[in-house]
Protein backbone atom coordinates (compact mmCIF):
# COMPACT_ATOMS: atom_id res chain seq x y z
CA UNK A 1 -36.99 13.24 -55.31
CA UNK A 2 -35.19 16.59 -55.63
CA UNK A 3 -32.47 16.81 -53.00
CA UNK A 4 -30.31 19.86 -52.27
CA UNK A 5 -27.10 19.16 -50.36
CA UNK A 6 -25.99 22.51 -48.97
CA UNK A 7 -22.42 23.47 -47.98
CA UNK A 8 -20.90 20.36 -49.56
CA UNK A 9 -17.93 20.51 -51.91
CA UNK A 10 -16.91 16.83 -51.63
CA UNK A 11 -19.99 15.42 -53.36
CA UNK A 12 -20.09 12.44 -50.97
CA UNK A 13 -23.71 12.87 -49.82
CA UNK A 14 -24.88 14.12 -53.23
CA UNK A 15 -23.42 11.07 -55.00
CA UNK A 16 -24.96 8.66 -52.46
CA UNK A 17 -28.43 10.03 -53.25
CA UNK A 18 -27.74 9.92 -56.98
CA UNK A 19 -26.77 6.24 -56.71
CA UNK A 20 -30.20 5.65 -55.10
CA UNK A 21 -31.92 7.24 -58.09
CA UNK A 22 -32.61 10.74 -56.75
CA UNK A 23 -32.14 14.10 -58.43
CA UNK A 24 -29.48 15.41 -56.05
CA UNK A 25 -27.45 18.61 -56.38
CA UNK A 26 -24.69 19.91 -54.10
CA UNK A 27 -24.08 23.59 -53.44
CA UNK A 28 -21.08 25.41 -51.99
CA UNK A 29 -18.91 28.47 -52.58
CA UNK A 30 -16.12 26.05 -53.47
CA UNK A 31 -16.14 23.98 -56.67
CA UNK A 32 -17.02 20.31 -56.30
CA UNK A 33 -14.20 17.81 -55.83
CA UNK A 34 -16.22 15.03 -57.46
CA UNK A 35 -17.75 15.54 -60.93
CA UNK A 36 -21.51 15.85 -60.68
CA UNK A 37 -24.43 18.30 -60.38
CA UNK A 38 -23.12 21.24 -58.36
CA UNK A 39 -24.11 24.87 -57.80
CA UNK A 40 -21.14 27.09 -57.01
CA UNK A 41 -22.57 29.87 -54.87
CA UNK A 42 -24.74 30.73 -51.87
CA UNK A 43 -27.13 27.92 -50.91
CA UNK A 44 -29.61 30.44 -49.42
CA UNK A 45 -30.23 31.86 -52.89
CA UNK A 46 -31.51 28.52 -54.24
CA UNK A 47 -33.70 27.38 -51.32
CA UNK A 48 -36.93 28.42 -53.09
CA UNK A 49 -36.44 26.20 -56.16
CA UNK A 50 -38.87 23.41 -55.28
CA UNK A 51 -36.67 20.99 -53.38
CA UNK A 52 -38.18 17.97 -51.61
CA UNK A 53 -35.29 17.66 -49.16
CA UNK A 54 -32.47 19.86 -47.88
CA UNK A 55 -29.42 18.38 -46.18
CA UNK A 56 -27.12 21.10 -44.87
CA UNK A 57 -23.56 20.92 -43.55
CA UNK A 58 -22.78 24.53 -42.55
CA UNK A 59 -19.18 25.40 -41.62
CA UNK A 60 -18.56 24.84 -37.92
CA UNK A 61 -15.60 27.23 -37.47
CA UNK A 62 -17.60 29.77 -35.46
CA UNK A 63 -20.17 27.32 -34.06
CA UNK A 64 -18.38 24.31 -32.54
CA UNK A 65 -17.58 24.17 -28.83
CA UNK A 66 -13.88 23.60 -29.46
CA UNK A 67 -13.57 27.08 -30.97
CA UNK A 68 -16.06 29.16 -28.98
CA UNK A 69 -13.51 29.98 -26.25
CA UNK A 70 -11.79 32.26 -28.79
CA UNK A 71 -14.88 34.52 -28.95
CA UNK A 72 -13.89 36.29 -25.73
CA UNK A 73 -10.27 36.68 -26.84
CA UNK A 74 -10.56 37.82 -30.44
CA UNK A 75 -12.54 40.99 -31.28
CA UNK A 76 -15.26 40.41 -33.86
CA UNK A 77 -15.41 36.65 -33.46
CA UNK A 78 -18.68 36.66 -31.49
CA UNK A 79 -20.25 38.63 -34.33
CA UNK A 80 -19.13 35.88 -36.73
CA UNK A 81 -20.81 33.30 -34.50
CA UNK A 82 -24.02 35.38 -34.57
CA UNK A 83 -23.89 35.46 -38.38
CA UNK A 84 -23.33 31.71 -38.47
CA UNK A 85 -26.40 31.16 -36.28
CA UNK A 86 -28.55 33.30 -38.59
CA UNK A 87 -27.33 31.13 -41.47
CA UNK A 88 -28.38 28.00 -39.55
CA UNK A 89 -31.87 29.42 -38.96
CA UNK A 90 -32.21 30.19 -42.67
CA UNK A 91 -31.25 26.63 -43.55
CA UNK A 92 -33.70 25.18 -41.04
CA UNK A 93 -36.43 27.47 -42.42
CA UNK A 94 -37.28 28.97 -39.05
CA UNK A 95 -39.51 32.01 -38.57
CA UNK A 96 -38.52 34.85 -40.87
CA UNK A 97 -36.56 32.43 -43.05
CA UNK A 98 -39.31 29.89 -43.84
CA UNK A 99 -38.51 28.25 -47.19
CA UNK A 100 -41.14 25.51 -47.41
CA UNK A 101 -38.82 22.52 -47.96
CA UNK A 102 -40.70 19.66 -46.22
CA UNK A 103 -37.70 17.51 -45.22
CA UNK A 104 -34.66 19.17 -43.64
CA UNK A 105 -31.56 17.75 -41.99
CA UNK A 106 -28.72 19.86 -40.64
CA UNK A 107 -25.37 18.50 -39.40
CA UNK A 108 -22.84 20.12 -37.07
CA UNK A 109 -20.68 19.27 -34.05
CA UNK A 110 -21.71 20.05 -30.49
CA UNK A 111 -21.64 23.82 -30.05
CA UNK A 112 -23.63 27.05 -30.19
CA UNK A 113 -26.53 25.51 -32.13
CA UNK A 114 -27.26 23.26 -29.13
CA UNK A 115 -27.78 26.24 -26.83
CA UNK A 116 -28.92 29.08 -29.10
CA UNK A 117 -31.38 27.02 -31.19
CA UNK A 118 -32.28 23.67 -29.61
CA UNK A 119 -30.83 20.32 -28.68
CA UNK A 120 -30.15 18.00 -31.65
CA UNK A 121 -32.61 15.27 -32.51
CA UNK A 122 -29.78 12.74 -32.72
CA UNK A 123 -26.03 12.42 -32.21
CA UNK A 124 -24.22 9.82 -34.30
CA UNK A 125 -20.66 8.56 -34.79
CA UNK A 126 -18.92 7.10 -37.87
CA UNK A 127 -18.27 3.86 -35.94
CA UNK A 128 -22.03 3.22 -36.04
CA UNK A 129 -21.89 3.16 -39.85
CA UNK A 130 -18.95 0.90 -40.66
CA UNK A 131 -15.96 3.21 -40.04
CA UNK A 132 -13.18 2.75 -37.52
CA UNK A 133 -13.55 6.36 -36.43
CA UNK A 134 -15.14 8.49 -33.71
CA UNK A 135 -16.62 11.93 -34.34
CA UNK A 136 -19.70 13.17 -32.47
CA UNK A 137 -22.03 14.44 -35.17
CA UNK A 138 -25.28 16.21 -34.21
CA UNK A 139 -28.35 16.11 -36.46
CA UNK A 140 -31.24 18.57 -36.36
CA UNK A 141 -34.17 17.11 -38.29
CA UNK A 142 -37.56 18.18 -39.60
CA UNK A 143 -39.74 15.70 -41.46
CA UNK A 144 -37.03 13.02 -41.31
CA UNK A 145 -36.69 9.96 -39.04
CA UNK A 146 -33.66 9.22 -36.87
CA UNK A 147 -30.85 7.40 -38.66
CA UNK A 148 -30.51 3.73 -37.80
CA UNK A 149 -26.90 2.50 -37.38
CA UNK A 150 -25.93 0.14 -40.20
CA UNK A 151 -22.76 -1.57 -38.94
CA UNK A 152 -21.16 -1.00 -35.55
CA UNK A 153 -17.35 -1.08 -35.38
CA UNK A 154 -16.04 -1.91 -31.91
CA UNK A 155 -13.37 0.33 -30.41
CA UNK A 156 -9.84 -0.64 -29.51
CA UNK A 157 -8.20 0.63 -26.36
CA UNK A 158 -5.46 3.19 -25.94
CA UNK A 159 -3.42 4.30 -22.95
CA UNK A 160 -2.02 7.74 -22.24
CA UNK A 161 1.43 6.10 -22.18
CA UNK A 162 1.06 5.68 -25.96
CA UNK A 163 0.15 1.99 -26.20
CA UNK A 164 -2.76 0.77 -28.34
CA UNK A 165 -4.20 -2.70 -27.82
CA UNK A 166 -7.19 -4.85 -28.66
CA UNK A 167 -10.52 -4.46 -26.88
CA UNK A 168 -10.35 -7.88 -25.23
CA UNK A 169 -7.28 -6.72 -23.23
CA UNK A 170 -8.96 -3.53 -22.03
CA UNK A 171 -10.50 -5.10 -18.94
CA UNK A 172 -7.02 -5.85 -17.61
CA UNK A 173 -5.58 -2.36 -18.10
CA UNK A 174 -2.58 -1.35 -20.17
CA UNK A 175 -0.20 -4.28 -20.87
CA UNK A 176 2.80 -1.90 -20.97
CA UNK A 177 2.46 0.47 -18.03
CA UNK A 178 0.25 -1.95 -16.05
CA UNK A 179 -2.40 0.56 -15.15
CA UNK A 180 -0.27 3.63 -14.43
CA UNK A 181 -1.72 5.43 -17.48
CA UNK A 182 -5.33 6.26 -18.29
CA UNK A 183 -6.98 3.67 -20.56
CA UNK A 184 -9.84 4.69 -22.86
CA UNK A 185 -11.78 3.43 -25.85
CA UNK A 186 -10.29 4.77 -29.07
CA UNK A 187 -10.76 4.39 -32.82
CA UNK A 188 -8.30 4.54 -35.70
CA UNK A 189 -8.68 8.31 -36.23
CA UNK A 190 -7.64 9.06 -32.62
CA UNK A 191 -4.41 9.23 -30.65
CA UNK A 192 -4.13 7.13 -27.45
CA UNK A 193 -5.31 10.19 -25.50
CA UNK A 194 -8.45 10.52 -27.66
CA UNK A 195 -7.39 13.49 -29.82
CA UNK A 196 -7.87 13.56 -33.58
CA UNK A 197 -4.84 12.29 -35.46
CA UNK A 198 -5.00 14.98 -38.17
CA UNK A 199 -2.23 17.47 -37.53
CA UNK A 200 -2.47 21.23 -38.16
CA UNK A 201 -2.53 22.18 -41.85
CA UNK A 202 -4.27 24.52 -44.27
CA UNK A 203 -6.49 21.66 -45.47
CA UNK A 204 -7.30 20.20 -42.05
CA UNK A 205 -10.75 21.85 -41.95
CA UNK A 206 -11.55 20.40 -45.40
CA UNK A 207 -10.56 16.89 -44.38
CA UNK A 208 -12.57 17.15 -41.15
CA UNK A 209 -15.66 18.48 -42.94
CA UNK A 210 -16.08 15.54 -45.33
CA UNK A 211 -19.01 13.27 -44.53
CA UNK A 212 -18.06 9.63 -43.99
CA UNK A 213 -19.21 7.37 -46.81
CA UNK A 214 -21.12 5.06 -44.48
CA UNK A 215 -23.12 7.93 -43.00
CA UNK A 216 -23.83 9.39 -46.44
CA UNK A 217 -25.09 6.04 -47.70
CA UNK A 218 -27.30 5.60 -44.63
CA UNK A 219 -28.82 9.04 -45.29
CA UNK A 220 -29.51 8.14 -48.90
CA UNK A 221 -30.87 4.67 -48.11
CA UNK A 222 -33.01 5.66 -45.13
CA UNK A 223 -34.05 9.25 -45.82
CA UNK A 224 -34.30 8.70 -49.55
CA UNK A 225 -36.50 5.63 -49.14
CA UNK A 226 -40.11 5.88 -50.23
CA UNK A 227 -42.23 6.64 -47.17
CA UNK A 228 -44.86 4.19 -48.32
CA UNK A 229 -44.49 0.49 -48.96
CA UNK A 230 -45.58 -1.43 -52.03
CA UNK A 231 -49.10 -1.93 -50.68
CA UNK A 232 -49.52 1.81 -50.33
CA UNK A 233 -49.53 1.64 -46.52
CA UNK A 234 -47.37 3.87 -44.37
CA UNK A 235 -44.02 2.39 -43.41
CA UNK A 236 -43.85 0.31 -40.25
CA UNK A 237 -41.55 1.51 -37.47
CA UNK A 238 -40.46 -0.84 -34.69
CA UNK A 239 -39.63 0.68 -31.29
CA UNK A 240 -38.09 -1.37 -28.49
CA UNK A 241 -37.90 -0.36 -24.82
CA UNK A 242 -36.45 -2.11 -21.78
CA UNK A 243 -38.00 -1.30 -18.40
CA UNK A 244 -38.69 -2.75 -14.98
CA UNK A 245 -41.31 -5.08 -16.41
CA UNK A 246 -39.02 -6.42 -19.13
CA UNK A 247 -38.64 -5.70 -22.84
CA UNK A 248 -41.37 -4.84 -25.29
CA UNK A 249 -41.43 -3.99 -29.00
CA UNK A 250 -44.22 -1.83 -30.43
CA UNK A 251 -45.11 -1.68 -34.13
CA UNK A 252 -46.13 1.82 -35.23
CA UNK A 253 -47.76 2.59 -38.56
CA UNK A 254 -49.64 5.73 -39.58
CA UNK A 255 -53.31 5.00 -40.03
CA UNK A 256 -53.25 1.96 -37.76
CA UNK A 257 -53.29 1.51 -33.96
CA UNK A 258 -50.00 0.60 -32.24
CA UNK A 259 -49.60 -3.15 -31.74
CA UNK A 260 -47.09 -5.36 -29.94
CA UNK A 261 -44.72 -7.32 -32.18
CA UNK A 262 -45.64 -11.02 -32.31
CA UNK A 263 -42.93 -13.28 -30.89
CA UNK A 264 -43.45 -15.96 -33.56
CA UNK A 265 -42.79 -18.84 -31.20
CA UNK A 266 -44.64 -20.96 -33.77
CA UNK A 267 -41.63 -20.64 -36.08
CA UNK A 268 -38.93 -21.26 -33.49
CA UNK A 269 -39.14 -21.19 -29.70
CA UNK A 270 -35.90 -19.54 -28.57
CA UNK A 271 -37.24 -17.42 -25.73
CA UNK A 272 -40.78 -17.96 -24.41
CA UNK A 273 -40.10 -15.34 -21.73
CA UNK A 274 -39.77 -12.51 -24.24
CA UNK A 275 -37.49 -10.40 -26.39
CA UNK A 276 -34.03 -9.06 -25.57
CA UNK A 277 -31.19 -7.31 -27.40
CA UNK A 278 -27.60 -6.16 -26.97
CA UNK A 279 -25.94 -9.60 -26.76
CA UNK A 280 -25.81 -12.97 -28.56
CA UNK A 281 -28.50 -15.00 -26.82
CA UNK A 282 -31.94 -16.58 -27.11
CA UNK A 283 -33.90 -13.35 -26.45
CA UNK A 284 -32.11 -11.47 -29.27
CA UNK A 285 -32.61 -14.48 -31.56
CA UNK A 286 -36.36 -14.41 -30.92
CA UNK A 287 -36.47 -10.68 -31.63
CA UNK A 288 -34.48 -11.06 -34.86
CA UNK A 289 -36.82 -13.80 -36.06
CA UNK A 290 -39.94 -11.79 -35.18
CA UNK A 291 -38.68 -8.67 -36.94
CA UNK A 292 -37.65 -10.53 -40.10
CA UNK A 293 -40.91 -12.48 -40.24
CA UNK A 294 -43.08 -9.38 -39.76
CA UNK A 295 -41.22 -7.30 -42.35
CA UNK A 296 -40.63 -9.95 -45.01
CA UNK A 297 -44.07 -11.58 -44.75
CA UNK A 298 -42.23 -14.76 -45.76
CA UNK A 299 -41.63 -17.18 -42.89
CA UNK A 300 -39.23 -19.44 -44.79
CA UNK A 301 -37.06 -16.51 -45.83
CA UNK A 302 -37.10 -15.12 -42.30
CA UNK A 303 -35.88 -18.46 -40.93
CA UNK A 304 -32.96 -18.44 -43.36
CA UNK A 305 -31.66 -14.98 -42.43
CA UNK A 306 -32.65 -14.17 -38.85
CA UNK A 307 -29.54 -15.54 -37.13
CA UNK A 308 -27.34 -13.36 -39.33
CA UNK A 309 -29.68 -10.42 -38.66
CA UNK A 310 -29.22 -11.04 -34.94
CA UNK A 311 -25.44 -11.00 -35.27
CA UNK A 312 -25.25 -7.97 -37.56
CA UNK A 313 -27.95 -5.86 -35.91
CA UNK A 314 -29.79 -6.97 -32.76
CA UNK A 315 -26.83 -7.91 -30.58
CA UNK A 316 -25.28 -4.51 -31.30
CA UNK A 317 -28.26 -2.57 -29.88
CA UNK A 318 -26.73 -1.70 -26.52
CA UNK A 319 -29.22 0.88 -25.22
CA UNK A 320 -32.51 0.38 -23.42
CA UNK A 321 -34.41 1.96 -26.32
CA UNK A 322 -34.03 1.58 -30.09
CA UNK A 323 -35.94 2.14 -33.30
CA UNK A 324 -35.75 0.59 -36.75
CA UNK A 325 -38.09 0.84 -39.75
CA UNK A 326 -39.08 -1.87 -42.18
CA UNK A 327 -36.94 -0.45 -45.01
CA UNK A 328 -33.83 -0.74 -42.82
CA UNK A 329 -34.68 -4.37 -42.05
CA UNK A 330 -35.16 -5.13 -45.75
CA UNK A 331 -31.82 -3.51 -46.64
CA UNK A 332 -30.04 -5.61 -44.02
CA UNK A 333 -31.72 -8.79 -45.23
CA UNK A 334 -30.65 -8.06 -48.81
CA UNK A 335 -27.09 -7.46 -47.59
CA UNK A 336 -27.16 -10.79 -45.71
CA UNK A 337 -28.39 -12.63 -48.78
CA UNK A 338 -25.57 -11.12 -50.85
CA UNK A 339 -22.94 -11.93 -48.21
CA UNK A 340 -24.07 -15.52 -47.50
CA UNK A 341 -25.66 -16.79 -50.74
CA UNK A 342 -25.10 -20.49 -50.03
CA UNK A 343 -26.44 -20.34 -46.47
CA UNK A 344 -29.64 -18.51 -47.37
CA UNK A 345 -30.38 -20.04 -50.78
CA UNK A 346 -33.87 -21.36 -51.21
């Protein structure tokens, strides 16, 4: 697949797609920091060159909420924001700027795009993809599914008095000031008050603009995956919802009617009352087993890996609704089998 990664000088996303076997090229006015296929110039000028996917990371200087307050104070800055929005529309291929690329993903922080264009399809954080870091990242998508978190990193706690402490102490308040300060969840890239640890510098914007490796790899693994399975059928997507009548999981697949996921109580009866998620219990165990069995089509293999799948995935799904596709399940199973070879050997 031909992938154009626009407004990227780091090569992080480009290299992730290359490792997955795709023909990926980055493009930016700056030279690439990492040796690899790179176009030094305006990404708009190469949009018509037959790409299958465009992933764009436009500069957020004049778009992000944290800087928009300067528009009323500095003459000409609002005009720069208008130009930045026109650039976004060109990348998304909207209206006058239609470019015909079938799969498009655009990344930016919360800001003008949310109000002048539309709300993002998804907002993600690095801590959902294996990094001890928090950074709200909005994604606007066309022809691409939502990203599924790959490994959730739990936050620590920090107090405005300057103390950092482990999450298990958070319920009791700050151990130093004994509750006088404000306690909040924080990650390693934040100060105890929740601000980014990077101090002012000429390169701060470059450091902040780099895509986290875990997010880049998730994009390559999930968006770069073949949309059809080995049988030629459309990929299965599993959607879970929790409501007043309990939890249900629907299996969606293009060309087939929606069906409810089988509980597979015949393999192991953890929870005859139904599925659950978001904690380490019998309901999540039943869901993990059902998902692994349905995707792998190999009951013995599913029985070997499902408890690890529960611990690494299902118990981390904290919301009332979630979605995962069969390729994401297969990737996690392969990772489990690499991590625990003796436990899951045949």
